[in-house]
Amino acid sequence: MATAAIDSHKLAAARLWAATRLPYLASALFAQSVVGEPDCGTIAVDRSWHVHADPAIVDSLSAEELGKLLVHLSGHLLRDHAARAGAIHADDDGARATWNRAADAEINDDLARDGCVPAVAPDLPTALNCPDGQLGEFYFINSASGPRHWDCGSGCDNGERRWDESGGIGRQQAQLVVLGVAAEIQRHSAQHPGVVPGGWLRWADSVLPSRVDWRRVLAAEIRSGVANAAGKVDYTYRRPSRRAGSTPNIVLPTLFRPIPNVAVVCDTSGSMHEHLLARALAEVEGLLVRGGLRQAQVRVLAVDTNVHAVRRVSRASQVELTGGGGTNMGVGIAAASILRPKPSVIVVLTDGFTPWPDEAPKGVRVVVGLLEQQISPIRNFPPPPWARTVHIQLEAAPAG
């Protein structure tokens, strides 16, 4: 991170304030690199996730106001306002200011309820004589005329600036950040209902769409398997029975209730491109949240034709996706079924281009999360009938 003459302590404080206030946007906040740009007269983002900051402007803002502005600029990047401006020809010289105001209103509408609208970029739908809850395209067409309060950069209006730089975050890396933030928004909303603004939730759902409520189906399957294991009672000789004193010459077993464990077999083969791998990570995160499972109860196996890593996790960021060769999820299922303690549920996250075992592992429930594109490809190996299959619908992979 290059900061030139920027007050690095204020920048760190601003990011910390923003990440604490809106934790579900933290990944985007810290993914941006900050570049000192003397005399640019603004703090703006380019399309490569650089923040170009005039040190004099940074000095004039409090850490809190700088944090609000960083959140605001993150919104332009996450919502891909630059590409959307180009799509409706709002990146022409005469239209950029209008689009900037419209995009600001789209973002600030959601930031207002958390008190995070930056004072330097204050446009709200009411200031444009428009209703709340609309997209930038609507505000662009229907807004009242007015001046642009703040130049948010090419990352907002797609217009070149003299300070724009190449490098930074590429298209695929940016898409991974976007998917991660969308998954974090959904996770945060599940944990704290009503806290995440509706606009951010709708955006997350548009990034991670589904034709059916597969999340509910997947969660139900996991809960069913976990509850089935938790409800079992068996005998063990590992602990003495409370009644052992009444029969000193006989060793009596004691009852115990198994602790449910989940094994996640994650497909890391060559056919799983970064878009699908990011979604697989998001589903692991959702699994941990919905199931309320502790770290010791979830193990993740990275598998292509071999098992490359087995790890206990409590967050998706802890998952190591290694591999990248051919595909055989049967190897992963077999490895998961012999783990100790034995899992009660095995969840397989895969794109489906894999052979499957002929028989189900004994004593273990198997749930297959089949990650699909909008146009599902023809598979030579359909999921086995002994596994419960949940179809997870995805957007088409990003180009480039």
Protein backbone atom coordinates (compact mmCIF):
# COMPACT_ATOMS: atom_id res chain seq x y z
CA MET A 1 0.00 0.00 0.00
CA ALA A 2 1.52 3.30 -1.09
CA THR A 3 0.44 6.27 1.02
CA ALA A 4 2.95 9.00 -0.06
CA ALA A 5 2.32 11.96 2.30
CA ILE A 6 -1.00 10.54 3.52
CA ASP A 7 -1.53 10.37 7.27
CA SER A 8 -1.24 6.58 7.63
CA HIS A 9 -2.51 6.63 11.22
CA LYS A 10 -5.68 8.44 10.19
CA LEU A 11 -6.14 6.06 7.26
CA ALA A 12 -5.80 3.03 9.55
CA ALA A 13 -8.22 4.57 12.05
CA ALA A 14 -10.72 5.31 9.28
CA ARG A 15 -10.62 1.76 7.97
CA LEU A 16 -10.98 0.35 11.46
CA TRP A 17 -13.95 2.63 12.16
CA ALA A 18 -15.62 1.61 8.89
CA ALA A 19 -14.97 -2.12 9.35
CA THR A 20 -16.32 -1.97 12.90
CA ARG A 21 -19.44 -0.08 11.84
CA LEU A 22 -20.16 -2.20 8.76
CA PRO A 23 -18.24 -5.47 9.29
CA TYR A 24 -19.77 -7.18 6.27
CA LEU A 25 -17.91 -4.70 4.00
CA ALA A 26 -14.52 -5.22 5.66
CA SER A 27 -13.10 -7.37 2.84
CA ALA A 28 -13.78 -4.66 0.28
CA LEU A 29 -12.38 -1.93 2.52
CA PHE A 30 -9.06 -3.70 2.97
CA ALA A 31 -8.85 -4.94 -0.64
CA GLN A 32 -8.35 -1.39 -1.90
CA SER A 33 -4.83 0.02 -2.13
CA VAL A 34 -4.47 3.71 -1.23
CA VAL A 35 -2.24 5.90 -3.39
CA GLY A 36 -1.20 9.44 -2.48
CA GLU A 37 -2.15 11.81 -5.30
CA PRO A 38 -1.18 15.41 -4.41
CA ASP A 39 -3.29 18.18 -5.97
CA CYS A 40 -5.93 15.80 -7.37
CA GLY A 41 -8.49 17.60 -5.21
CA THR A 42 -10.45 14.50 -4.29
CA ILE A 43 -10.39 11.01 -2.82
CA ALA A 44 -11.56 8.70 -5.59
CA VAL A 45 -11.41 5.11 -6.83
CA ASP A 46 -10.34 3.80 -10.20
CA ARG A 47 -11.48 0.59 -11.87
CA SER A 48 -8.47 -1.34 -10.52
CA TRP A 49 -9.48 -0.78 -6.87
CA HIS A 50 -6.93 1.95 -6.22
CA VAL A 51 -8.00 4.79 -3.93
CA HIS A 52 -6.34 8.00 -5.12
CA ALA A 53 -6.22 10.42 -2.21
CA ASP A 54 -5.11 14.03 -2.06
CA PRO A 55 -3.15 14.27 1.23
CA ALA A 56 -4.57 17.75 1.84
CA ILE A 57 -8.13 16.39 1.58
CA VAL A 58 -7.26 13.53 3.94
CA ASP A 59 -5.91 16.04 6.46
CA SER A 60 -9.13 18.06 6.26
CA LEU A 61 -11.36 15.10 7.16
CA SER A 62 -11.78 13.44 10.52
CA ALA A 63 -11.05 9.71 10.77
CA GLU A 64 -14.79 9.07 11.00
CA GLU A 65 -15.61 11.12 7.88
CA LEU A 66 -12.76 9.46 6.00
CA GLY A 67 -14.14 6.08 7.05
CA LYS A 68 -17.58 7.02 5.73
CA LEU A 69 -16.05 8.06 2.42
CA LEU A 70 -14.09 4.79 2.12
CA VAL A 71 -17.31 2.85 2.70
CA HIS A 72 -19.04 4.97 0.07
CA LEU A 73 -16.27 4.39 -2.49
CA SER A 74 -16.36 0.65 -1.74
CA GLY A 75 -20.03 0.73 -2.73
CA HIS A 76 -19.14 2.05 -6.19
CA LEU A 77 -16.68 -0.81 -6.73
CA LEU A 78 -18.86 -3.57 -5.30
CA ARG A 79 -21.90 -2.50 -7.32
CA ASP A 80 -19.80 -2.20 -10.50
CA HIS A 81 -20.95 1.34 -11.21
CA ALA A 82 -18.22 1.91 -13.82
CA ALA A 83 -19.44 -0.95 -16.04
CA ARG A 84 -23.06 0.04 -15.49
CA ALA A 85 -22.27 3.62 -16.52
CA GLY A 86 -20.77 2.33 -19.75
CA ALA A 87 -23.75 0.08 -20.41
CA ILE A 88 -26.20 3.01 -20.45
CA HIS A 89 -23.72 5.49 -22.00
CA ALA A 90 -23.61 7.50 -18.78
CA ASP A 91 -19.82 7.74 -19.11
CA ASP A 92 -19.99 10.46 -21.76
CA ASP A 93 -18.42 13.76 -20.72
CA GLY A 94 -21.74 15.53 -20.24
CA ALA A 95 -23.39 12.69 -18.33
CA ARG A 96 -20.71 11.68 -15.84
CA ALA A 97 -21.69 14.20 -13.19
CA THR A 98 -25.35 13.13 -13.36
CA TRP A 99 -24.40 9.47 -13.11
CA ASN A 100 -22.08 10.19 -10.18
CA ARG A 101 -24.98 11.78 -8.27
CA ALA A 102 -27.32 8.93 -9.21
CA ALA A 103 -24.81 6.27 -8.12
CA ASP A 104 -24.15 8.19 -4.89
CA ALA A 105 -27.88 8.22 -4.14
CA GLU A 106 -28.12 4.46 -4.71
CA ILE A 107 -25.35 3.84 -2.18
CA ASN A 108 -26.23 6.52 0.37
CA ASP A 109 -29.82 5.31 0.54
CA ASP A 110 -28.46 2.21 2.33
CA LEU A 111 -25.77 4.00 4.31
CA ALA A 112 -28.18 6.56 5.79
CA ARG A 113 -29.75 4.20 8.32
CA ASP A 114 -26.31 3.48 9.81
CA GLY A 115 -25.28 7.14 9.85
CA CYS A 116 -22.54 6.47 7.28
CA VAL A 117 -23.36 8.98 4.54
CA PRO A 118 -20.18 11.02 3.92
CA ALA A 119 -20.60 14.78 4.32
CA VAL A 120 -18.58 15.43 1.16
CA ALA A 121 -20.79 13.14 -0.99
CA PRO A 122 -24.23 13.64 0.58
CA ASP A 123 -26.63 12.97 -2.32
CA LEU A 124 -29.71 11.00 -1.30
CA PRO A 125 -32.75 10.08 -3.42
CA THR A 126 -34.75 12.91 -1.82
CA ALA A 127 -32.16 15.44 -3.02
CA LEU A 128 -32.78 14.16 -6.56
CA ASN A 129 -36.57 14.36 -6.10
CA CYS A 130 -36.76 10.58 -6.41
CA PRO A 131 -38.14 7.78 -4.20
CA ASP A 132 -35.90 5.65 -2.04
CA GLY A 133 -34.85 2.11 -2.85
CA GLN A 134 -34.16 2.51 -6.59
CA LEU A 135 -31.08 1.78 -8.68
CA GLY A 136 -28.65 4.29 -10.11
CA GLU A 137 -30.11 3.84 -13.60
CA PHE A 138 -33.51 5.03 -12.34
CA TYR A 139 -32.01 8.05 -10.62
CA PHE A 140 -29.94 8.86 -13.70
CA ILE A 141 -33.06 9.10 -15.86
CA ASN A 142 -35.44 10.70 -13.35
CA SER A 143 -33.31 12.88 -11.09
CA ALA A 144 -33.55 16.62 -10.86
CA SER A 145 -30.53 18.51 -12.16
CA GLY A 146 -27.89 19.62 -9.73
CA PRO A 147 -24.13 19.89 -9.20
CA ARG A 148 -21.82 16.99 -8.51
CA HIS A 149 -20.68 17.31 -4.91
CA TRP A 150 -17.76 14.88 -5.13
CA ASP A 151 -15.67 13.30 -7.88
CA CYS A 152 -15.70 9.59 -7.01
CA GLY A 153 -13.41 8.66 -9.91
CA SER A 154 -13.45 6.27 -12.84
CA GLY A 155 -14.53 3.46 -10.51
CA CYS A 156 -17.86 5.28 -10.43
CA ASP A 157 -18.43 6.92 -13.83
CA ASN A 158 -15.99 4.98 -16.07
CA GLY A 159 -14.27 8.19 -17.22
CA GLU A 160 -10.48 8.24 -17.41
CA ARG A 161 -8.58 10.39 -14.91
CA ARG A 162 -4.96 11.49 -15.25
CA TRP A 163 -4.09 9.63 -12.04
CA ASP A 164 -5.64 6.29 -12.98
CA GLU A 165 -3.25 3.35 -12.75
CA SER A 166 -3.02 -0.10 -14.24
CA GLY A 167 -2.39 -3.15 -12.11
CA GLY A 168 -4.19 -3.35 -8.80
CA ILE A 169 -6.93 -5.94 -8.54
CA GLY A 170 -7.79 -7.76 -11.75
CA ARG A 171 -11.28 -8.67 -12.91
CA GLN A 172 -11.22 -12.19 -11.47
CA GLN A 173 -9.72 -11.10 -8.15
CA ALA A 174 -12.31 -8.34 -7.87
CA GLN A 175 -15.07 -10.86 -8.55
CA LEU A 176 -13.80 -13.02 -5.70
CA VAL A 177 -13.93 -10.03 -3.35
CA VAL A 178 -17.45 -9.21 -4.54
CA LEU A 179 -18.64 -12.77 -3.98
CA GLY A 180 -17.01 -12.87 -0.57
CA VAL A 181 -18.69 -9.63 0.51
CA ALA A 182 -22.07 -10.82 -0.79
CA ALA A 183 -21.72 -14.05 1.19
CA GLU A 184 -20.67 -12.09 4.27
CA ILE A 185 -23.75 -9.86 3.95
CA GLN A 186 -26.00 -12.91 3.84
CA ARG A 187 -24.18 -14.48 6.79
CA HIS A 188 -24.39 -11.27 8.83
CA SER A 189 -28.08 -10.91 8.00
CA ALA A 190 -28.75 -14.49 9.11
CA GLN A 191 -26.98 -13.88 12.42
CA HIS A 192 -28.44 -10.41 13.01
CA PRO A 193 -31.85 -10.14 11.27
CA GLY A 194 -32.87 -6.60 10.39
CA VAL A 195 -29.39 -5.13 10.76
CA VAL A 196 -28.27 -5.18 7.10
CA PRO A 197 -30.09 -2.58 4.93
CA GLY A 198 -32.44 -4.00 2.33
CA GLY A 199 -30.48 -2.54 -0.58
CA TRP A 200 -27.33 -4.44 0.41
CA LEU A 201 -29.34 -7.65 0.84
CA ARG A 202 -30.94 -7.27 -2.57
CA TRP A 203 -27.52 -6.64 -4.07
CA ALA A 204 -26.09 -9.75 -2.39
CA ASP A 205 -28.99 -11.85 -3.66
CA SER A 206 -28.42 -10.54 -7.19
CA VAL A 207 -24.74 -11.50 -6.98
CA LEU A 208 -25.53 -14.92 -5.52
CA PRO A 209 -28.87 -15.70 -7.21
CA SER A 210 -30.96 -18.85 -7.05
CA ARG A 211 -34.00 -20.11 -8.91
CA VAL A 212 -35.15 -22.05 -5.87
CA ASP A 213 -34.49 -21.52 -2.20
CA TRP A 214 -31.64 -24.02 -2.17
CA ARG A 215 -30.24 -22.43 1.01
CA ARG A 216 -33.30 -23.54 2.93
CA VAL A 217 -33.10 -27.04 1.43
CA LEU A 218 -29.38 -27.37 2.16
CA ALA A 219 -29.81 -26.10 5.72
CA ALA A 220 -32.69 -28.54 6.29
CA GLU A 221 -30.60 -31.47 5.09
CA ILE A 222 -27.70 -30.50 7.34
CA ARG A 223 -29.98 -29.96 10.35
CA SER A 224 -31.69 -33.29 9.73
CA GLY A 225 -28.39 -35.19 9.64
CA VAL A 226 -27.00 -33.38 12.67
CA ALA A 227 -30.21 -33.82 14.66
CA ASN A 228 -30.31 -37.51 13.79
CA ALA A 229 -26.80 -37.99 15.15
CA ALA A 230 -27.44 -35.85 18.22
CA GLY A 231 -30.56 -37.85 19.06
CA LYS A 232 -28.80 -41.20 19.09
CA VAL A 233 -27.84 -42.88 22.34
CA ASP A 234 -25.34 -45.73 22.54
CA TYR A 235 -23.29 -47.68 25.07
CA THR A 236 -19.59 -47.26 25.77
CA TYR A 237 -17.02 -48.87 28.07
CA ARG A 238 -14.77 -45.80 27.96
CA ARG A 239 -16.37 -44.40 31.10
CA PRO A 240 -17.49 -46.33 34.18
CA SER A 241 -21.19 -46.77 34.74
CA ARG A 242 -22.81 -44.95 37.63
CA ARG A 243 -24.20 -48.33 38.71
CA ALA A 244 -20.78 -50.03 38.76
CA GLY A 245 -20.78 -50.06 42.57
CA SER A 246 -23.80 -52.36 42.71
CA THR A 247 -22.06 -55.04 40.60
CA PRO A 248 -18.36 -55.00 41.56
CA ASN A 249 -17.55 -58.17 39.61
CA ILE A 250 -19.23 -57.02 36.39
CA VAL A 251 -18.06 -54.19 34.13
CA LEU A 252 -21.13 -52.26 33.07
CA PRO A 253 -21.22 -49.88 30.10
CA THR A 254 -22.50 -46.33 30.35
CA LEU A 255 -24.75 -44.42 27.99
CA PHE A 256 -23.42 -41.59 25.87
CA ARG A 257 -24.84 -39.22 23.26
CA PRO A 258 -22.66 -38.79 20.14
CA ILE A 259 -21.57 -35.26 19.22
CA PRO A 260 -22.55 -34.57 15.58
CA ASN A 261 -19.65 -33.92 13.21
CA VAL A 262 -19.74 -32.67 9.62
CA ALA A 263 -17.18 -33.32 6.89
CA VAL A 264 -17.16 -31.03 3.84
CA VAL A 265 -15.60 -32.47 0.67
CA CYS A 266 -14.71 -29.47 -1.50
CA ASP A 267 -14.00 -30.06 -5.20
CA THR A 268 -10.75 -28.30 -6.17
CA SER A 269 -10.31 -29.89 -9.60
CA GLY A 270 -9.39 -28.04 -12.77
CA SER A 271 -13.03 -27.66 -13.85
CA MET A 272 -13.80 -25.65 -10.72
CA HIS A 273 -12.80 -22.13 -11.80
CA GLU A 274 -12.33 -19.32 -9.29
CA HIS A 275 -15.98 -18.22 -9.47
CA LEU A 276 -17.17 -21.66 -8.36
CA LEU A 277 -14.43 -22.04 -5.76
CA ALA A 278 -15.43 -18.72 -4.19
CA ARG A 279 -19.03 -19.90 -4.05
CA ALA A 280 -17.95 -23.17 -2.46
CA LEU A 281 -16.19 -21.17 0.25
CA ALA A 282 -19.34 -19.12 0.78
CA GLU A 283 -21.39 -22.27 1.22
CA VAL A 284 -18.94 -23.61 3.81
CA GLU A 285 -19.36 -20.32 5.67
CA GLY A 286 -23.14 -20.58 5.48
CA LEU A 287 -23.02 -24.17 6.65
CA LEU A 288 -21.10 -23.23 9.78
CA VAL A 289 -23.47 -20.37 10.58
CA ARG A 290 -26.74 -22.20 9.95
CA GLY A 291 -25.69 -25.35 11.72
CA GLY A 292 -24.29 -23.56 14.78
CA LEU A 293 -21.36 -25.97 14.72
CA ARG A 294 -18.22 -25.44 16.73
CA GLN A 295 -14.76 -25.52 15.17
CA ALA A 296 -14.08 -29.05 16.39
CA GLN A 297 -17.18 -30.37 14.64
CA VAL A 298 -16.42 -29.38 11.02
CA ARG A 299 -13.59 -30.70 8.87
CA VAL A 300 -12.99 -29.65 5.26
CA LEU A 301 -11.23 -31.85 2.70
CA ALA A 302 -9.78 -30.31 -0.49
CA VAL A 303 -10.11 -33.01 -3.17
CA ASP A 304 -9.46 -33.46 -6.88
CA THR A 305 -8.31 -37.03 -7.57
CA ASN A 306 -6.52 -37.03 -4.23
CA VAL A 307 -7.15 -35.60 -0.80
CA HIS A 308 -4.83 -32.60 -0.48
CA ALA A 309 -5.84 -31.12 2.86
CA VAL A 310 -8.00 -31.97 5.87
CA ARG A 311 -8.61 -29.18 8.34
CA ARG A 312 -10.99 -28.26 11.16
CA VAL A 313 -12.49 -24.83 10.45
CA SER A 314 -14.79 -22.26 12.01
CA ARG A 315 -14.63 -19.68 9.17
CA ALA A 316 -14.53 -20.06 5.39
CA SER A 317 -11.36 -17.97 5.26
CA GLN A 318 -9.56 -20.82 7.04
CA VAL A 319 -10.27 -23.28 4.22
CA GLU A 320 -7.27 -24.22 2.07
CA LEU A 321 -8.37 -25.02 -1.49
CA THR A 322 -5.47 -26.91 -3.02
CA GLY A 323 -5.40 -29.28 -5.96
CA GLY A 324 -6.48 -28.44 -9.49
CA GLY A 325 -6.07 -31.76 -11.28
CA GLY A 326 -8.69 -34.30 -12.35
CA THR A 327 -11.82 -35.09 -10.39
CA ASN A 328 -12.99 -38.00 -8.25
CA MET A 329 -15.24 -37.07 -5.37
CA GLY A 330 -15.47 -40.76 -4.44
CA VAL A 331 -11.93 -40.45 -3.05
CA GLY A 332 -13.03 -37.57 -0.86
CA ILE A 333 -16.16 -39.34 0.34
CA ALA A 334 -14.14 -42.44 1.21
CA ALA A 335 -11.55 -40.37 3.10
CA ALA A 336 -14.26 -38.46 4.96
CA SER A 337 -16.11 -41.62 5.97
CA ILE A 338 -13.05 -43.03 7.80
CA LEU A 339 -12.25 -39.86 9.74
CA ARG A 340 -12.27 -40.18 13.51
CA PRO A 341 -14.54 -39.21 15.06
CA LYS A 342 -16.74 -40.42 12.25
CA PRO A 343 -18.84 -37.67 10.64
CA SER A 344 -22.61 -37.93 10.81
CA VAL A 345 -22.99 -35.90 7.59
CA ILE A 346 -20.73 -35.53 4.55
CA VAL A 347 -21.40 -32.47 2.39
CA VAL A 348 -19.89 -32.58 -1.11
CA LEU A 349 -19.52 -29.23 -2.91
CA THR A 350 -18.76 -29.87 -6.59
CA ASP A 351 -19.61 -28.84 -10.15
CA GLY A 352 -20.58 -32.48 -10.81
CA PHE A 353 -17.92 -33.44 -13.37
CA THR A 354 -16.87 -36.46 -11.33
CA PRO A 355 -17.53 -40.20 -11.04
CA TRP A 356 -19.33 -41.35 -7.90
CA PRO A 357 -19.07 -44.48 -5.73
CA ASP A 358 -21.55 -47.25 -6.48
CA GLU A 359 -22.63 -47.50 -2.85
CA ALA A 360 -23.20 -45.03 -0.08
CA PRO A 361 -20.76 -45.00 2.85
CA LYS A 362 -22.18 -46.94 5.76
CA GLY A 363 -23.70 -45.01 8.61
CA VAL A 364 -23.15 -41.57 7.05
CA ARG A 365 -25.62 -39.23 5.40
CA VAL A 366 -24.32 -37.65 2.15
CA VAL A 367 -25.56 -34.30 0.81
CA VAL A 368 -24.29 -33.13 -2.59
CA GLY A 369 -24.27 -29.38 -3.21
CA LEU A 370 -24.19 -29.25 -7.02
CA LEU A 371 -22.79 -25.86 -8.07
CA GLU A 372 -24.24 -24.90 -11.44
CA GLN A 373 -24.14 -22.07 -13.95
CA GLN A 374 -27.34 -20.50 -15.29
CA ILE A 375 -27.08 -22.87 -18.25
CA SER A 376 -26.39 -26.27 -16.75
CA PRO A 377 -23.91 -28.37 -18.70
CA ILE A 378 -24.50 -31.99 -19.60
CA ARG A 379 -22.79 -34.25 -17.07
CA ASN A 380 -21.58 -37.77 -17.78
CA PHE A 381 -21.89 -38.66 -14.10
CA PRO A 382 -25.18 -37.60 -12.50
CA PRO A 383 -25.21 -37.55 -8.68
CA PRO A 384 -25.95 -40.98 -7.17
CA PRO A 385 -29.50 -41.81 -6.03
CA TRP A 386 -28.31 -42.61 -2.50
CA ALA A 387 -27.22 -38.98 -1.93
CA ARG A 388 -29.51 -36.02 -1.33
CA THR A 389 -28.72 -33.54 -4.11
CA VAL A 390 -29.25 -29.79 -3.73
CA HIS A 391 -28.89 -27.75 -6.95
CA ILE A 392 -27.10 -24.46 -6.27
CA GLN A 393 -27.74 -22.04 -9.12
CA LEU A 394 -25.01 -19.54 -10.00
CA GLU A 395 -24.53 -16.66 -12.36
CA ALA A 396 -22.47 -17.23 -15.45
CA ALA A 397 -18.75 -16.90 -14.76
CA PRO A 398 -17.32 -13.42 -15.33
CA ALA A 399 -15.40 -12.86 -18.54
CA GLY A 400 -11.69 -12.10 -18.53
